[in-house]
Amino acid sequence: MPDLTRRAMIGVLGAGVVGTALSWPRLTAADIPGRNADALTVAIFGTAQDAAGRAGLVEAFRREHPEIAVSVIAVQGADWGDFFAKILTLVAAGTPPDVCVVATEGAHLFADRLAHPLDEFVLRDEAELRDYFADVHPSLIESFMYQGQLYQLPIDFNAANIYYNTEAMRRAGLGRPADDWTQQDFLDTLRAMRRAAPSTFRPYFWTNRLWGGVVPWLYVNDTSFLVESRWPGGDWFWPRFYPDDPSATERSGGYRWTASNAEDPRVAETFEFLRAMVAEGLGSNPASGGGSEVADRFASGVIGMTPAGGFWAQGLAEGGMGPDEFDVAFFPRWRTQRHQFGAAGYSMLRTSRRKDEAWEWIKFCASAEGMRLSIPEPSTTPTRRSLVDEAFYAGTGPRHWRVFYDTLDRFPTTGPIPAPPQQAAVETALIKNVLGALNGPPAAVRPALDTMHRDLERALGGR
């Protein structure tokens, strides 16, 4: 499924989950899986057409497991939050799926309330899974651990890299940014682009959301808007499946976000940097535009650079851009060059009575064959590094496609977007106060961060 809106704002998930005043989205007949007791029910985020597109995957799975009938249902939604809220509604209604696609945004919510840990199955099929873990970066695995247990085998991911219009760079007399380019290099590039471009051109376009908004800048400034720590545990997993990885001894039982970090001086420093960039006219006002608008405007040549992941390659090609008309670079370095990423995989619901069959589906989708069938084109980045190769990007570009997986390999501290179980209310608090901080004078930054701190503390106290 094309992923251009994958990281859209998750506002509606606060409904009933974190205790906001919003109501859950209403289900339509297309969202109801029915009570087919003879089939494993797999819920995906998308339309009936997306579900039909899984026919090849289902057929391949049935060849290997003819005894397991599979029903793929599409749950439609405006964004991931809408999808998660509808899954919660199905659970409450007594018609839950057995397996559900879950992105980073909802991983801890599902682990905390809805999902069944995979530990017993992983240990049972240890020999069979060694190929998968040898092919997948440990940072992706750690992002789906919670309180020491593993809840998903990630299938795709996207880090926030920098896409740039090659014609805009050429017009400014610039070449590809260096891998270790700095925050100052970034500003110099924007200014050169603006000098060489027509008045309608915007050097940097970004959106006000969790993925690709302010968080990448906070990460490279060695901070975040939430206090980040790690759960203990994972000793059953890391020495067994990553014995030769030097980072394995530092891995944990999963990420943990417990408190607001909005009062950190580096958070204020980051917001002041972004406010000045917007005020100078180098970057768009983050209140405007969404994921689809960014893609359309980038493809039409009126945007110079924007943060995006591997999911953009297919979308830009479909928008008419050739492989040489855009390229990708690492996010610029500040105090660090830590990137953020989001990932997704299948989660087994606690309520499922078909857990063994659900596991076989999860395991097959994580296989090389299953992943190829699930991701036949670069509409996202496969988690298996062996599938991220030149042939995969041959028809779309970008030329420097290696950046996508090198983001994990070259920057070992790169981690997931902050997504605690209360993620919806947390993101709402962030988005609301970004507007207050960046749309006013310099003196508006710190009061907005004070308000953000209070909002985040309130959100993290909710269940």
Protein backbone atom coordinates (compact mmCIF):
# COMPACT_ATOMS: atom_id res chain seq x y z
CA MET A 1 0.00 0.00 0.00
CA PRO A 2 1.45 3.40 -0.92
CA ASP A 3 2.58 5.04 2.27
CA LEU A 4 2.63 8.77 1.60
CA THR A 5 0.23 9.47 4.47
CA ARG A 6 1.64 6.81 6.77
CA ARG A 7 2.76 9.21 9.47
CA ALA A 8 -0.35 11.37 9.47
CA MET A 9 -1.42 12.94 12.75
CA ILE A 10 -2.98 10.49 15.18
CA GLY A 11 -5.46 12.75 16.90
CA VAL A 12 -8.52 10.56 16.97
CA LEU A 13 -6.85 7.74 18.87
CA GLY A 14 -7.18 9.75 22.06
CA ALA A 15 -10.85 8.88 21.90
CA GLY A 16 -11.70 6.49 24.66
CA VAL A 17 -8.08 5.43 24.89
CA VAL A 18 -6.53 8.33 26.70
CA GLY A 19 -9.67 10.00 27.95
CA THR A 20 -10.04 12.97 25.63
CA ALA A 21 -13.37 14.46 24.66
CA LEU A 22 -13.32 12.95 21.17
CA SER A 23 -15.46 9.97 20.18
CA TRP A 24 -14.32 6.85 18.38
CA PRO A 25 -14.73 6.83 14.60
CA ARG A 26 -17.89 5.10 13.45
CA LEU A 27 -17.44 1.73 11.78
CA THR A 28 -18.88 1.07 8.36
CA ALA A 29 -20.05 -2.25 7.00
CA ALA A 30 -16.73 -2.55 5.17
CA ASP A 31 -14.89 -2.49 8.49
CA ILE A 32 -16.66 -5.46 10.08
CA PRO A 33 -14.78 -8.75 9.68
CA GLY A 34 -17.78 -10.95 10.45
CA ARG A 35 -17.69 -14.16 12.42
CA ASN A 36 -16.03 -16.55 10.02
CA ALA A 37 -14.82 -19.11 12.54
CA ASP A 38 -13.16 -21.16 9.80
CA ALA A 39 -10.57 -18.57 8.75
CA LEU A 40 -7.67 -16.72 10.26
CA THR A 41 -8.70 -13.05 10.11
CA VAL A 42 -5.94 -10.59 9.19
CA ALA A 43 -6.70 -6.86 9.45
CA ILE A 44 -4.76 -4.38 7.31
CA PHE A 45 -4.94 -0.59 7.08
CA GLY A 46 -6.45 0.28 3.72
CA THR A 47 -9.27 -0.31 1.28
CA ALA A 48 -10.89 -3.40 -0.20
CA GLN A 49 -8.56 -2.91 -3.16
CA ASP A 50 -5.57 -3.12 -0.81
CA ALA A 51 -6.96 -6.33 0.67
CA ALA A 52 -7.40 -7.77 -2.82
CA GLY A 53 -3.78 -6.87 -3.50
CA ARG A 54 -2.74 -9.37 -0.84
CA ALA A 55 -4.12 -12.24 -2.94
CA GLY A 56 -0.66 -13.33 -4.06
CA LEU A 57 0.60 -13.29 -0.48
CA VAL A 58 -2.37 -15.34 0.73
CA GLU A 59 -1.99 -17.80 -2.14
CA ALA A 60 1.70 -18.33 -1.35
CA PHE A 61 0.90 -18.78 2.34
CA ARG A 62 -1.82 -21.34 1.54
CA ARG A 63 0.62 -23.34 -0.59
CA GLU A 64 2.80 -23.70 2.47
CA HIS A 65 -0.12 -24.07 4.92
CA PRO A 66 -3.08 -25.52 3.03
CA GLU A 67 -4.77 -26.33 6.31
CA ILE A 68 -5.09 -22.62 7.27
CA ALA A 69 -7.79 -20.55 5.61
CA VAL A 70 -7.08 -16.81 5.61
CA SER A 71 -9.44 -13.84 5.36
CA VAL A 72 -7.76 -10.46 4.81
CA ILE A 73 -9.98 -7.55 5.77
CA ALA A 74 -9.32 -3.89 5.10
CA VAL A 75 -10.08 -1.39 7.84
CA GLN A 76 -10.32 2.05 6.31
CA GLY A 77 -9.22 5.18 8.12
CA ALA A 78 -7.93 8.69 7.67
CA ASP A 79 -4.67 7.75 9.40
CA TRP A 80 -3.13 5.14 11.68
CA GLY A 81 -5.01 6.55 14.66
CA ASP A 82 -8.34 6.06 12.94
CA PHE A 83 -7.32 2.49 12.12
CA PHE A 84 -6.24 1.71 15.70
CA ALA A 85 -9.44 3.17 17.11
CA LYS A 86 -11.53 0.98 14.83
CA ILE A 87 -9.60 -2.12 15.86
CA LEU A 88 -10.31 -1.24 19.49
CA THR A 89 -13.97 -0.89 18.59
CA LEU A 90 -13.97 -4.33 16.95
CA VAL A 91 -12.43 -5.82 20.09
CA ALA A 92 -15.09 -4.18 22.25
CA ALA A 93 -17.80 -5.44 19.90
CA GLY A 94 -16.56 -9.03 20.17
CA THR A 95 -15.47 -9.28 16.51
CA PRO A 96 -11.70 -8.74 16.70
CA PRO A 97 -9.27 -9.94 14.03
CA ASP A 98 -6.67 -12.56 14.89
CA VAL A 99 -3.78 -10.61 13.42
CA CYS A 100 -3.45 -6.88 12.85
CA VAL A 101 -0.92 -4.64 11.13
CA VAL A 102 0.53 -2.25 13.72
CA ALA A 103 2.95 0.62 13.14
CA THR A 104 5.33 2.12 15.68
CA GLU A 105 2.69 4.69 16.59
CA GLY A 106 0.50 1.98 18.11
CA ALA A 107 3.05 -0.68 19.05
CA HIS A 108 3.13 0.10 22.78
CA LEU A 109 -0.61 0.67 22.92
CA PHE A 110 -1.18 -2.81 21.49
CA ALA A 111 1.53 -4.40 23.64
CA ASP A 112 0.05 -2.79 26.74
CA ARG A 113 -3.57 -3.75 26.04
CA LEU A 114 -4.27 -5.93 23.04
CA ALA A 115 -1.32 -7.94 21.75
CA HIS A 116 0.04 -11.34 22.72
CA PRO A 117 3.86 -11.56 23.08
CA LEU A 118 5.70 -13.70 20.56
CA ASP A 119 8.44 -14.97 22.88
CA GLU A 120 7.21 -18.56 23.16
CA PHE A 121 6.84 -18.88 19.39
CA VAL A 122 10.20 -17.29 18.64
CA LEU A 123 11.96 -19.68 21.01
CA ARG A 124 10.04 -22.66 19.67
CA ASP A 125 11.09 -21.90 16.07
CA GLU A 126 14.53 -20.55 16.91
CA ALA A 127 16.37 -22.40 14.15
CA GLU A 128 13.88 -21.33 11.50
CA LEU A 129 14.05 -17.66 12.52
CA ARG A 130 17.82 -17.27 12.55
CA ASP A 131 17.76 -16.29 8.88
CA TYR A 132 15.29 -13.48 9.61
CA PHE A 133 17.18 -11.98 12.52
CA ALA A 134 20.51 -12.24 10.67
CA ASP A 135 18.95 -10.13 7.91
CA VAL A 136 17.20 -7.49 10.08
CA HIS A 137 18.88 -4.68 12.01
CA PRO A 138 18.57 -5.10 15.81
CA SER A 139 17.33 -1.52 16.28
CA LEU A 140 14.16 -2.45 14.42
CA ILE A 141 13.62 -5.48 16.63
CA GLU A 142 14.24 -3.54 19.85
CA SER A 143 11.61 -0.98 18.82
CA PHE A 144 8.95 -3.70 19.02
CA MET A 145 9.95 -4.98 22.45
CA TYR A 146 7.93 -3.89 25.46
CA GLN A 147 8.75 -4.68 29.10
CA GLY A 148 11.25 -7.30 27.94
CA GLN A 149 8.94 -9.15 25.55
CA LEU A 150 8.83 -9.12 21.75
CA TYR A 151 5.48 -8.32 20.17
CA GLN A 152 6.15 -8.03 16.44
CA LEU A 153 8.53 -9.10 13.69
CA PRO A 154 8.96 -5.82 11.77
CA ILE A 155 8.42 -6.07 8.03
CA ASP A 156 9.01 -2.50 6.84
CA PHE A 157 10.50 0.73 8.18
CA ASN A 158 11.23 4.30 7.17
CA ALA A 159 13.80 6.65 8.67
CA ALA A 160 13.56 10.43 8.31
CA ASN A 161 16.14 11.21 5.66
CA ILE A 162 16.42 14.33 3.50
CA TYR A 163 15.05 14.20 -0.04
CA TYR A 164 16.26 16.93 -2.37
CA ASN A 165 15.39 18.14 -5.84
CA THR A 166 18.50 17.67 -7.96
CA GLU A 167 17.57 20.50 -10.33
CA ALA A 168 17.20 22.90 -7.38
CA MET A 169 20.64 21.88 -6.16
CA ARG A 170 22.17 22.28 -9.62
CA ARG A 171 20.51 25.68 -10.05
CA ALA A 172 22.07 26.78 -6.75
CA GLY A 173 25.49 25.57 -7.88
CA LEU A 174 25.56 22.79 -5.32
CA GLY A 175 26.21 19.07 -5.41
CA ARG A 176 25.05 16.24 -3.22
CA PRO A 177 25.36 17.03 0.53
CA ALA A 178 28.19 15.26 2.32
CA ASP A 179 27.20 12.33 4.49
CA ASP A 180 28.36 14.27 7.55
CA TRP A 181 26.97 17.65 6.56
CA THR A 182 26.06 19.88 9.46
CA GLN A 183 23.15 21.97 10.61
CA GLN A 184 25.01 25.05 9.31
CA ASP A 185 25.64 23.36 5.95
CA PHE A 186 21.91 22.72 5.79
CA LEU A 187 21.09 26.41 6.34
CA ASP A 188 23.70 27.48 3.78
CA THR A 189 22.13 25.10 1.24
CA LEU A 190 18.67 26.53 1.85
CA ARG A 191 19.92 30.09 1.38
CA ALA A 192 21.69 29.19 -1.86
CA MET A 193 18.55 27.50 -3.15
CA ARG A 194 16.43 30.51 -2.33
CA ARG A 195 18.79 32.96 -4.07
CA ALA A 196 18.71 30.90 -7.26
CA ALA A 197 14.98 30.13 -7.35
CA PRO A 198 11.75 31.92 -8.32
CA SER A 199 9.64 33.51 -5.62
CA THR A 200 7.20 30.57 -5.50
CA PHE A 201 9.97 28.15 -4.57
CA ARG A 202 10.24 26.94 -0.95
CA PRO A 203 13.72 25.64 0.00
CA TYR A 204 12.50 23.41 2.85
CA PHE A 205 9.00 22.07 3.37
CA TRP A 206 7.96 20.14 6.45
CA THR A 207 4.78 19.19 8.24
CA ASN A 208 3.70 19.48 11.83
CA ARG A 209 3.50 15.85 12.91
CA LEU A 210 5.45 13.36 14.97
CA TRP A 211 7.28 11.67 12.09
CA GLY A 212 9.37 14.13 10.11
CA GLY A 213 8.31 17.21 12.07
CA VAL A 214 10.36 18.58 14.95
CA VAL A 215 11.46 15.17 16.26
CA PRO A 216 14.33 14.62 13.76
CA TRP A 217 15.77 17.99 14.76
CA LEU A 218 15.44 17.15 18.44
CA TYR A 219 17.20 13.83 17.87
CA VAL A 220 20.18 15.35 16.04
CA ASN A 221 20.44 17.92 18.84
CA ASP A 222 20.78 14.98 21.25
CA THR A 223 17.45 15.47 22.95
CA SER A 224 13.73 14.68 22.67
CA PHE A 225 10.46 16.12 23.92
CA LEU A 226 10.00 13.02 26.12
CA VAL A 227 12.39 11.44 28.61
CA GLU A 228 13.67 8.29 26.94
CA SER A 229 14.84 5.23 28.85
CA ARG A 230 14.80 1.46 28.33
CA TRP A 231 12.91 -1.39 29.89
CA PRO A 232 15.06 -4.05 31.56
CA GLY A 233 14.96 -7.54 30.11
CA GLY A 234 15.58 -9.05 26.71
CA ASP A 235 18.28 -11.38 28.06
CA TRP A 236 16.37 -14.33 26.62
CA PHE A 237 16.67 -12.84 23.16
CA TRP A 238 19.80 -10.78 22.38
CA PRO A 239 22.59 -13.30 23.13
CA ARG A 240 20.65 -16.00 21.31
CA PHE A 241 19.79 -14.20 18.05
CA TYR A 242 22.48 -11.51 17.80
CA PRO A 243 25.52 -13.24 19.34
CA ASP A 244 28.05 -11.61 17.00
CA ASP A 245 26.57 -8.11 17.04
CA PRO A 246 28.69 -5.79 19.22
CA SER A 247 25.63 -3.70 20.03
CA ALA A 248 23.69 -6.67 21.44
CA THR A 249 25.15 -6.24 24.92
CA GLU A 250 23.67 -2.73 25.03
CA ARG A 251 20.21 -3.75 23.84
CA SER A 252 17.27 -3.77 26.21
CA GLY A 253 13.74 -4.94 26.81
CA GLY A 254 12.38 -2.07 24.72
CA TYR A 255 12.10 1.70 24.68
CA ARG A 256 10.28 3.53 27.43
CA TRP A 257 8.95 7.10 27.53
CA THR A 258 7.75 8.15 30.94
CA ALA A 259 7.85 11.92 31.36
CA SER A 260 8.01 15.25 29.58
CA ASN A 261 11.41 16.55 28.55
CA ALA A 262 10.08 19.83 27.17
CA GLU A 263 11.97 21.82 29.82
CA ASP A 264 15.36 20.63 28.54
CA PRO A 265 17.33 23.70 27.31
CA ARG A 266 18.23 21.79 24.14
CA VAL A 267 14.54 21.45 23.29
CA ALA A 268 14.23 25.23 23.50
CA GLU A 269 17.39 25.61 21.43
CA THR A 270 15.94 23.34 18.74
CA PHE A 271 12.63 25.19 18.63
CA GLU A 272 14.40 28.53 18.43
CA PHE A 273 16.46 27.25 15.49
CA LEU A 274 13.33 26.11 13.65
CA ARG A 275 11.44 29.32 14.43
CA ALA A 276 14.29 31.39 13.00
CA MET A 277 14.41 29.20 9.88
CA VAL A 278 10.68 29.73 9.27
CA ALA A 279 10.93 33.47 10.01
CA GLU A 280 13.77 33.83 7.48
CA GLY A 281 11.59 32.22 4.82
CA LEU A 282 13.86 29.22 4.41
CA GLY A 283 11.26 26.73 5.61
CA SER A 284 7.52 26.44 5.33
CA ASN A 285 5.24 27.27 8.19
CA PRO A 286 4.71 23.83 9.75
CA ALA A 287 1.01 24.52 10.16
CA SER A 288 0.47 24.12 6.43
CA GLY A 289 0.28 21.02 4.30
CA GLY A 290 0.10 17.30 4.81
CA GLY A 291 2.01 14.28 3.52
CA SER A 292 0.23 14.09 0.17
CA GLU A 293 0.59 17.82 -0.46
CA VAL A 294 4.32 17.65 0.19
CA ALA A 295 4.73 14.85 -2.34
CA ASP A 296 2.71 16.69 -4.98
CA ARG A 297 4.61 19.94 -4.52
CA PHE A 298 8.00 18.24 -4.43
CA ALA A 299 7.22 16.37 -7.65
CA SER A 300 6.18 19.66 -9.31
CA GLY A 301 9.55 21.23 -8.46
CA VAL A 302 8.48 23.95 -6.04
CA ILE A 303 10.16 22.38 -2.99
CA GLY A 304 13.91 21.99 -2.59
CA MET A 305 14.23 19.60 0.37
CA THR A 306 11.97 17.74 2.77
CA PRO A 307 12.29 14.93 5.33
CA ALA A 308 10.94 11.61 4.06
CA GLY A 309 11.77 7.90 4.02
CA GLY A 310 12.03 5.09 1.50
CA PHE A 311 8.26 5.14 1.06
CA TRP A 312 8.59 8.22 -1.15
CA ALA A 313 10.50 6.52 -3.98
CA GLN A 314 7.49 4.87 -5.57
CA GLY A 315 5.22 7.85 -4.95
CA LEU A 316 7.58 10.31 -6.64
CA ALA A 317 7.99 7.99 -9.60
CA GLU A 318 4.21 7.76 -9.94
CA GLY A 319 4.14 11.57 -9.68
CA GLY A 320 6.27 11.79 -12.82
CA MET A 321 9.77 12.28 -11.37
CA GLY A 322 12.61 10.36 -12.99
CA PRO A 323 15.34 8.61 -10.97
CA ASP A 324 17.77 11.46 -11.65
CA GLU A 325 15.38 14.26 -10.68
CA PHE A 326 15.57 13.61 -6.94
CA ASP A 327 17.93 12.01 -4.49
CA VAL A 328 18.29 11.33 -0.78
CA ALA A 329 20.86 12.16 1.90
CA PHE A 330 21.27 11.63 5.61
CA PHE A 331 19.67 14.10 7.99
CA PRO A 332 22.27 16.81 8.86
CA ARG A 333 24.42 16.51 11.95
CA TRP A 334 24.09 18.79 14.97
CA ARG A 335 25.38 17.47 18.30
CA THR A 336 24.72 13.98 16.94
CA GLN A 337 23.46 12.50 13.69
CA ARG A 338 20.89 10.25 15.33
CA HIS A 339 17.92 9.65 13.02
CA GLN A 340 14.36 8.68 13.87
CA PHE A 341 12.42 5.84 12.25
CA GLY A 342 9.01 4.22 12.23
CA ALA A 343 8.34 0.58 11.43
CA ALA A 344 5.43 -1.85 11.12
CA GLY A 345 4.61 -5.53 11.37
CA TYR A 346 1.83 -7.93 12.30
CA SER A 347 0.60 -8.16 15.87
CA MET A 348 -1.16 -11.23 17.31
CA LEU A 349 -4.17 -10.24 19.39
CA ARG A 350 -4.62 -11.71 22.86
CA THR A 351 -8.24 -12.49 22.06
CA SER A 352 -7.36 -14.75 19.13
CA ARG A 353 -8.24 -18.43 19.45
CA ARG A 354 -5.95 -19.20 16.53
CA LYS A 355 -2.61 -18.17 17.95
CA ASP A 356 -0.64 -21.03 16.37
CA GLU A 357 -2.12 -20.19 12.98
CA ALA A 358 -1.57 -16.48 13.58
CA TRP A 359 2.07 -17.18 14.30
CA GLU A 360 2.48 -19.08 11.04
CA TRP A 361 1.11 -16.05 9.18
CA ILE A 362 3.44 -13.67 11.03
CA LYS A 363 6.41 -15.91 10.41
CA PHE A 364 5.63 -16.34 6.71
CA CYS A 365 5.23 -12.59 6.18
CA ALA A 366 8.65 -12.09 7.76
CA SER A 367 10.25 -14.61 5.39
CA ALA A 368 12.09 -13.41 2.30
CA GLU A 369 9.30 -14.73 0.06
CA GLY A 370 6.55 -13.19 2.14
CA MET A 371 8.30 -9.83 2.34
CA ARG A 372 8.87 -9.71 -1.42
CA LEU A 373 5.19 -10.41 -2.02
CA SER A 374 4.14 -7.83 0.57
CA ILE A 375 6.50 -5.14 -0.76
CA PRO A 376 6.87 -5.68 -4.52
CA GLU A 377 7.88 -2.06 -5.15
CA PRO A 378 9.59 0.72 -3.14
CA SER A 379 6.48 2.10 -1.45
CA THR A 380 8.31 1.46 1.84
CA THR A 381 11.64 -0.03 2.97
CA PRO A 382 11.83 -3.78 3.70
CA THR A 383 13.40 -4.64 7.03
CA ARG A 384 15.45 -7.42 5.42
CA ARG A 385 18.61 -5.70 4.23
CA SER A 386 19.06 -8.36 1.52
CA LEU A 387 15.91 -7.03 -0.19
CA VAL A 388 17.08 -3.41 -0.20
CA ASP A 389 19.19 -3.60 -3.33
CA GLU A 390 19.81 -1.94 -6.67
CA ALA A 391 17.18 -4.01 -8.47
CA PHE A 392 14.50 -2.86 -6.02
CA TYR A 393 15.06 0.82 -6.94
CA ALA A 394 16.01 0.33 -10.59
CA GLY A 395 12.84 1.84 -12.00
CA THR A 396 12.31 4.61 -9.49
CA GLY A 397 15.55 5.74 -7.88
CA PRO A 398 16.87 7.44 -5.87
CA ARG A 399 20.47 7.05 -6.95
CA HIS A 400 21.68 6.87 -3.33
CA TRP A 401 19.11 4.34 -2.14
CA ARG A 402 21.71 2.80 0.18
CA VAL A 403 21.04 5.72 2.54
CA PHE A 404 17.84 4.01 3.69
CA TYR A 405 19.47 1.02 5.36
CA ASP A 406 22.79 2.79 6.00
CA THR A 407 20.86 5.09 8.35
CA LEU A 408 20.62 2.13 10.73
CA ASP A 409 24.07 0.72 10.05
CA ARG A 410 26.03 3.96 10.28
CA PHE A 411 24.18 5.63 13.15
CA PRO A 412 23.65 2.95 15.82
CA THR A 413 21.78 5.28 18.20
CA THR A 414 19.04 5.85 15.60
CA GLY A 415 15.76 4.97 17.26
CA PRO A 416 11.97 4.93 16.92
CA ILE A 417 9.68 7.92 17.19
CA PRO A 418 8.52 8.41 20.81
CA ALA A 419 5.32 6.36 21.05
CA PRO A 420 4.24 5.37 24.57
CA PRO A 421 0.82 3.74 25.10
CA GLN A 422 -0.60 7.28 25.48
CA GLN A 423 0.92 8.25 22.13
CA ALA A 424 -2.20 9.89 20.70
CA ALA A 425 -2.55 12.43 23.49
CA VAL A 426 1.22 12.92 23.51
CA GLU A 427 1.30 13.74 19.82
CA THR A 428 -1.64 16.10 20.17
CA ALA A 429 0.23 17.97 22.90
CA LEU A 430 3.31 18.22 20.70
CA ILE A 431 1.53 19.38 17.56
CA LYS A 432 -0.58 21.99 19.31
CA ASN A 433 2.38 23.65 20.96
CA VAL A 434 4.65 23.52 17.93
CA LEU A 435 2.30 26.00 16.35
CA GLY A 436 2.49 28.33 19.33
CA ALA A 437 6.28 28.15 19.49
CA LEU A 438 7.08 28.64 15.81
CA ASN A 439 4.41 31.05 14.62
CA GLY A 440 5.23 33.88 16.99
CA PRO A 441 8.16 36.10 17.99
CA PRO A 442 11.27 34.64 19.68
CA ALA A 443 9.74 35.31 23.10
CA ALA A 444 6.88 32.90 22.29
CA VAL A 445 9.06 29.79 22.30
CA ARG A 446 9.57 29.24 26.02
CA PRO A 447 5.95 29.92 27.08
CA ALA A 448 4.81 27.43 24.42
CA LEU A 449 7.25 24.84 25.77
CA ASP A 450 5.99 25.46 29.30
CA THR A 451 2.48 24.71 28.08
CA MET A 452 3.74 21.67 26.20
CA HIS A 453 5.36 20.37 29.37
CA ARG A 454 2.09 20.61 31.27
CA ASP A 455 0.15 19.01 28.42
CA LEU A 456 2.62 16.15 28.12
CA GLU A 457 2.63 15.44 31.83
CA ARG A 458 -1.16 15.34 31.76
CA ALA A 459 -1.15 13.05 28.71
CA LEU A 460 1.38 10.64 30.18
CA GLY A 461 -0.66 10.41 33.34
CA GLY A 462 -3.67 9.17 31.38
CA ARG A 463 -4.42 5.59 30.47
